[in-house]
Structures are given as structure tokens and as C-alpha cells.
Amino acid sequence: MNIRPLQDRIIVKRIEAEEKTASGIIIPDTAKEKPMEGNVMAVGPGKALDNGNTIVPTVKAGDKVLFSKYAGTEVKIDGQEYIIMREDDILGVIEG
């Protein structure tokens, strides 16, 4: 990937939704909702404050995160779909 996020922006690759439910029912494409989980691919250096200090992001590349439904901007880079969002749009890091 040849893109470097700026400030407190984060590049996330959405985790693919399940094709079937736990009981084996196949979900058609028209009924699928976009998942709100993804893997952090790249993180910017942090948000610059008015006093010159920088707030370093708390997430790092490789983290699995949960983000808000309408977070960020979807972009296509090298044929892959990513979301560029601010750290504020991330609701939490999924551990385990």
C-alpha cells in the first residue's frame, strides 16, 4: 500500500461479512450490512494541538477495531477497499 495517513487519520480494511448465519441460512448480497469491524493498516503521526504538542494515536497497525457505522471515507487503493477515518470514529479495539 503506497499511502501514508496524515495527522490523526487511520486506514482500516473492513473485515468481510459472513455469507451464512450460524444456523446455515445463506444471506443474499442485498440483505448484507457492511461490517463495522476492521484491521488497522496504517496510522498517522497524531493530531497537532494549537500549542504545538501532538496527541499520539492509541491504536497501531495490526489492531482489530470496531468503528461507527458511517465512519470515514471509503477509498479504493490498488484494487482493495479501505476506509480512511479519524481516530475519534473508532469505538474500541477488539482484543483476543
N, C-alpha and C. Protein backbone atom coordinates (compact mmCIF):
# COMPACT_ATOMS: atom_id res chain seq x y z
N MET A 1 0.85 -1.17 0.00
CA MET A 1 0.00 0.00 0.00
C MET A 1 0.90 1.23 0.00
N ASN A 2 0.65 2.15 -0.91
CA ASN A 2 1.50 3.33 -1.06
C ASN A 2 0.81 4.60 -0.59
N ILE A 3 0.27 4.59 0.60
CA ILE A 3 -0.37 5.78 1.14
C ILE A 3 -0.02 5.89 2.62
N ARG A 4 0.22 7.11 3.05
CA ARG A 4 0.58 7.39 4.44
C ARG A 4 -0.46 8.35 4.99
N PRO A 5 -1.22 7.96 6.01
CA PRO A 5 -2.24 8.85 6.56
C PRO A 5 -1.61 10.03 7.29
N LEU A 6 -2.29 11.15 7.27
CA LEU A 6 -1.81 12.35 7.93
C LEU A 6 -2.54 12.58 9.24
N GLN A 7 -1.92 13.31 10.13
CA GLN A 7 -2.45 13.69 11.44
C GLN A 7 -3.03 12.50 12.18
N ASP A 8 -4.29 12.59 12.62
CA ASP A 8 -4.88 11.50 13.42
C ASP A 8 -5.73 10.57 12.57
N ARG A 9 -5.45 10.51 11.28
CA ARG A 9 -6.22 9.63 10.39
C ARG A 9 -5.64 8.22 10.42
N ILE A 10 -6.55 7.26 10.18
CA ILE A 10 -6.20 5.85 10.26
C ILE A 10 -6.79 5.16 9.04
N ILE A 11 -6.03 4.24 8.45
CA ILE A 11 -6.52 3.46 7.32
C ILE A 11 -6.92 2.08 7.83
N VAL A 12 -8.18 1.72 7.57
CA VAL A 12 -8.74 0.46 8.06
C VAL A 12 -9.24 -0.36 6.88
N LYS A 13 -8.97 -1.65 6.90
CA LYS A 13 -9.53 -2.57 5.91
C LYS A 13 -10.67 -3.31 6.60
N ARG A 14 -11.86 -3.16 6.03
CA ARG A 14 -13.06 -3.77 6.60
C ARG A 14 -12.96 -5.29 6.56
N ILE A 15 -13.39 -5.97 7.63
CA ILE A 15 -13.43 -7.42 7.68
C ILE A 15 -14.67 -7.87 6.93
N GLU A 16 -14.52 -8.86 6.07
CA GLU A 16 -15.63 -9.34 5.24
C GLU A 16 -16.75 -9.92 6.10
N ALA A 17 -17.99 -9.66 5.70
CA ALA A 17 -19.16 -10.16 6.40
C ALA A 17 -19.34 -11.66 6.14
N GLU A 18 -19.98 -12.31 7.07
CA GLU A 18 -20.25 -13.74 6.93
C GLU A 18 -21.28 -13.97 5.82
N GLU A 19 -21.09 -15.04 5.07
CA GLU A 19 -22.02 -15.40 4.00
C GLU A 19 -23.22 -16.17 4.54
N LYS A 20 -23.06 -16.83 5.71
CA LYS A 20 -24.12 -17.64 6.30
C LYS A 20 -24.34 -17.25 7.75
N THR A 21 -25.54 -17.52 8.23
CA THR A 21 -25.81 -17.35 9.66
C THR A 21 -25.32 -18.60 10.38
N ALA A 22 -25.36 -18.58 11.70
CA ALA A 22 -24.91 -19.73 12.49
C ALA A 22 -25.75 -20.97 12.21
N SER A 23 -27.02 -20.77 11.83
CA SER A 23 -27.90 -21.91 11.55
C SER A 23 -27.80 -22.40 10.11
N GLY A 24 -26.96 -21.74 9.27
CA GLY A 24 -26.73 -22.21 7.91
C GLY A 24 -27.52 -21.50 6.84
N ILE A 25 -28.26 -20.45 7.21
CA ILE A 25 -29.02 -19.70 6.21
C ILE A 25 -28.07 -18.80 5.44
N ILE A 26 -28.12 -18.84 4.12
CA ILE A 26 -27.25 -18.02 3.28
C ILE A 26 -27.86 -16.62 3.15
N ILE A 27 -27.05 -15.61 3.41
CA ILE A 27 -27.50 -14.22 3.35
C ILE A 27 -27.22 -13.66 1.96
N PRO A 28 -28.25 -13.19 1.24
CA PRO A 28 -28.01 -12.61 -0.08
C PRO A 28 -27.30 -11.26 0.03
N ASP A 29 -26.59 -10.88 -1.04
CA ASP A 29 -25.83 -9.62 -1.03
C ASP A 29 -26.71 -8.41 -0.73
N THR A 30 -27.95 -8.41 -1.17
CA THR A 30 -28.83 -7.27 -0.97
C THR A 30 -29.23 -7.10 0.49
N ALA A 31 -29.16 -8.15 1.29
CA ALA A 31 -29.57 -8.08 2.69
C ALA A 31 -28.39 -7.88 3.64
N LYS A 32 -27.18 -7.96 3.12
CA LYS A 32 -26.00 -7.83 3.98
C LYS A 32 -25.79 -6.38 4.39
N GLU A 33 -25.40 -6.20 5.64
CA GLU A 33 -24.97 -4.89 6.11
C GLU A 33 -23.44 -4.91 6.12
N LYS A 34 -22.86 -3.74 5.90
CA LYS A 34 -21.40 -3.67 5.94
C LYS A 34 -20.94 -3.86 7.38
N PRO A 35 -19.95 -4.71 7.58
CA PRO A 35 -19.46 -4.93 8.94
C PRO A 35 -18.81 -3.67 9.51
N MET A 36 -18.87 -3.54 10.83
CA MET A 36 -18.30 -2.38 11.50
C MET A 36 -17.00 -2.76 12.20
N GLU A 37 -16.36 -3.81 11.72
CA GLU A 37 -15.07 -4.24 12.25
C GLU A 37 -14.04 -4.19 11.14
N GLY A 38 -12.80 -3.93 11.52
CA GLY A 38 -11.75 -3.91 10.53
C GLY A 38 -10.38 -4.02 11.16
N ASN A 39 -9.39 -4.17 10.29
CA ASN A 39 -7.99 -4.23 10.72
C ASN A 39 -7.31 -2.92 10.36
N VAL A 40 -6.57 -2.37 11.30
CA VAL A 40 -5.83 -1.13 11.06
C VAL A 40 -4.63 -1.45 10.19
N MET A 41 -4.53 -0.76 9.05
CA MET A 41 -3.44 -0.99 8.12
C MET A 41 -2.31 0.03 8.31
N ALA A 42 -2.67 1.29 8.61
CA ALA A 42 -1.67 2.34 8.79
C ALA A 42 -2.25 3.41 9.70
N VAL A 43 -1.36 4.09 10.43
CA VAL A 43 -1.77 5.13 11.38
C VAL A 43 -0.93 6.37 11.15
N GLY A 44 -1.57 7.54 11.18
CA GLY A 44 -0.86 8.80 11.05
C GLY A 44 -0.07 9.12 12.31
N PRO A 45 0.76 10.17 12.27
CA PRO A 45 1.63 10.51 13.40
C PRO A 45 0.90 11.08 14.61
N GLY A 46 -0.30 11.61 14.43
CA GLY A 46 -1.06 12.15 15.56
C GLY A 46 -1.62 13.52 15.26
N LYS A 47 -2.50 13.97 16.13
CA LYS A 47 -3.18 15.25 15.96
C LYS A 47 -2.35 16.37 16.58
N ALA A 48 -2.11 17.42 15.81
CA ALA A 48 -1.35 18.57 16.30
C ALA A 48 -2.29 19.51 17.03
N LEU A 49 -1.91 19.90 18.24
CA LEU A 49 -2.69 20.85 19.03
C LEU A 49 -2.23 22.28 18.74
N ASP A 50 -3.02 23.25 19.16
CA ASP A 50 -2.69 24.66 18.94
C ASP A 50 -1.40 25.07 19.64
N ASN A 51 -1.07 24.42 20.76
CA ASN A 51 0.15 24.78 21.50
C ASN A 51 1.41 24.11 20.94
N GLY A 52 1.27 23.34 19.86
CA GLY A 52 2.43 22.70 19.23
C GLY A 52 2.66 21.26 19.63
N ASN A 53 1.98 20.80 20.66
CA ASN A 53 2.11 19.40 21.07
C ASN A 53 1.33 18.49 20.12
N THR A 54 1.67 17.22 20.13
CA THR A 54 0.99 16.24 19.28
C THR A 54 0.40 15.15 20.16
N ILE A 55 -0.87 14.80 19.89
CA ILE A 55 -1.51 13.69 20.58
C ILE A 55 -1.29 12.44 19.72
N VAL A 56 -0.52 11.50 20.24
CA VAL A 56 -0.18 10.28 19.52
C VAL A 56 -1.39 9.34 19.54
N PRO A 57 -1.75 8.71 18.40
CA PRO A 57 -2.88 7.78 18.37
C PRO A 57 -2.67 6.59 19.31
N THR A 58 -3.77 6.08 19.85
CA THR A 58 -3.67 4.95 20.77
C THR A 58 -3.76 3.61 20.05
N VAL A 59 -4.19 3.61 18.78
CA VAL A 59 -4.23 2.36 18.00
C VAL A 59 -2.96 2.26 17.17
N LYS A 60 -2.66 1.03 16.74
CA LYS A 60 -1.47 0.82 15.91
C LYS A 60 -1.81 -0.13 14.78
N ALA A 61 -0.98 -0.18 13.78
CA ALA A 61 -1.19 -1.08 12.65
C ALA A 61 -1.27 -2.52 13.17
N GLY A 62 -2.25 -3.26 12.66
CA GLY A 62 -2.45 -4.64 13.09
C GLY A 62 -3.57 -4.81 14.09
N ASP A 63 -4.03 -3.72 14.73
CA ASP A 63 -5.13 -3.81 15.69
C ASP A 63 -6.44 -4.12 14.97
N LYS A 64 -7.29 -4.89 15.62
CA LYS A 64 -8.64 -5.15 15.11
C LYS A 64 -9.57 -4.19 15.85
N VAL A 65 -10.31 -3.37 15.12
CA VAL A 65 -11.09 -2.32 15.75
C VAL A 65 -12.57 -2.40 15.38
N LEU A 66 -13.38 -1.77 16.20
CA LEU A 66 -14.81 -1.61 15.98
C LEU A 66 -15.04 -0.13 15.76
N PHE A 67 -15.73 0.23 14.65
CA PHE A 67 -15.92 1.64 14.35
C PHE A 67 -17.38 1.93 14.09
N SER A 68 -17.74 3.21 14.10
CA SER A 68 -19.12 3.61 13.91
C SER A 68 -19.57 3.31 12.48
N LYS A 69 -20.86 3.13 12.30
CA LYS A 69 -21.44 2.65 11.05
C LYS A 69 -21.11 3.53 9.85
N TYR A 70 -21.14 4.83 10.02
CA TYR A 70 -20.92 5.74 8.89
C TYR A 70 -19.57 6.46 9.01
N ALA A 71 -18.60 5.79 9.58
CA ALA A 71 -17.29 6.39 9.82
C ALA A 71 -16.47 6.52 8.55
N GLY A 72 -15.73 7.60 8.46
CA GLY A 72 -14.71 7.75 7.45
C GLY A 72 -15.16 7.85 6.01
N THR A 73 -14.18 7.75 5.14
CA THR A 73 -14.37 7.84 3.70
C THR A 73 -13.84 6.56 3.06
N GLU A 74 -14.67 5.92 2.25
CA GLU A 74 -14.23 4.70 1.58
C GLU A 74 -13.42 5.05 0.34
N VAL A 75 -12.26 4.39 0.20
CA VAL A 75 -11.38 4.61 -0.95
C VAL A 75 -10.93 3.26 -1.50
N LYS A 76 -10.53 3.25 -2.75
CA LYS A 76 -10.01 2.04 -3.37
C LYS A 76 -8.55 2.31 -3.74
N ILE A 77 -7.64 1.48 -3.21
CA ILE A 77 -6.20 1.63 -3.45
C ILE A 77 -5.69 0.28 -3.95
N ASP A 78 -5.08 0.28 -5.12
CA ASP A 78 -4.53 -0.96 -5.70
C ASP A 78 -5.58 -2.07 -5.76
N GLY A 79 -6.83 -1.71 -6.06
CA GLY A 79 -7.90 -2.70 -6.18
C GLY A 79 -8.51 -3.16 -4.86
N GLN A 80 -8.00 -2.68 -3.75
CA GLN A 80 -8.52 -3.06 -2.43
C GLN A 80 -9.32 -1.89 -1.85
N GLU A 81 -10.39 -2.21 -1.12
CA GLU A 81 -11.21 -1.17 -0.49
C GLU A 81 -10.74 -0.93 0.94
N TYR A 82 -10.57 0.35 1.28
CA TYR A 82 -10.16 0.76 2.61
C TYR A 82 -11.06 1.90 3.07
N ILE A 83 -11.00 2.18 4.37
CA ILE A 83 -11.69 3.33 4.93
C ILE A 83 -10.64 4.20 5.61
N ILE A 84 -10.65 5.49 5.27
CA ILE A 84 -9.78 6.44 5.96
C ILE A 84 -10.66 7.19 6.95
N MET A 85 -10.32 7.09 8.22
CA MET A 85 -11.14 7.71 9.27
C MET A 85 -10.26 8.36 10.32
N ARG A 86 -10.87 9.19 11.12
CA ARG A 86 -10.17 9.78 12.26
C ARG A 86 -10.20 8.79 13.42
N GLU A 87 -9.26 8.94 14.32
CA GLU A 87 -9.22 8.06 15.48
C GLU A 87 -10.50 8.18 16.31
N ASP A 88 -11.13 9.35 16.30
CA ASP A 88 -12.38 9.56 17.05
C ASP A 88 -13.51 8.66 16.58
N ASP A 89 -13.47 8.18 15.31
CA ASP A 89 -14.52 7.32 14.77
C ASP A 89 -14.40 5.87 15.26
N ILE A 90 -13.27 5.54 15.86
CA ILE A 90 -13.06 4.18 16.37
C ILE A 90 -13.68 4.08 17.76
N LEU A 91 -14.54 3.07 17.94
CA LEU A 91 -15.24 2.90 19.20
C LEU A 91 -14.43 2.07 20.20
N GLY A 92 -13.61 1.15 19.69
CA GLY A 92 -12.80 0.34 20.59
C GLY A 92 -11.92 -0.64 19.83
N VAL A 93 -10.95 -1.19 20.55
CA VAL A 93 -10.05 -2.20 20.00
C VAL A 93 -10.55 -3.56 20.47
N ILE A 94 -10.67 -4.51 19.53
CA ILE A 94 -11.13 -5.86 19.87
C ILE A 94 -9.90 -6.68 20.25
N GLU A 95 -9.89 -7.19 21.45
CA GLU A 95 -8.74 -7.97 21.92
C GLU A 95 -9.10 -9.44 21.95
N GLY A 96 -8.08 -10.25 21.70
CA GLY A 96 -8.28 -11.69 21.82
C GLY A 96 -8.51 -12.41 20.60
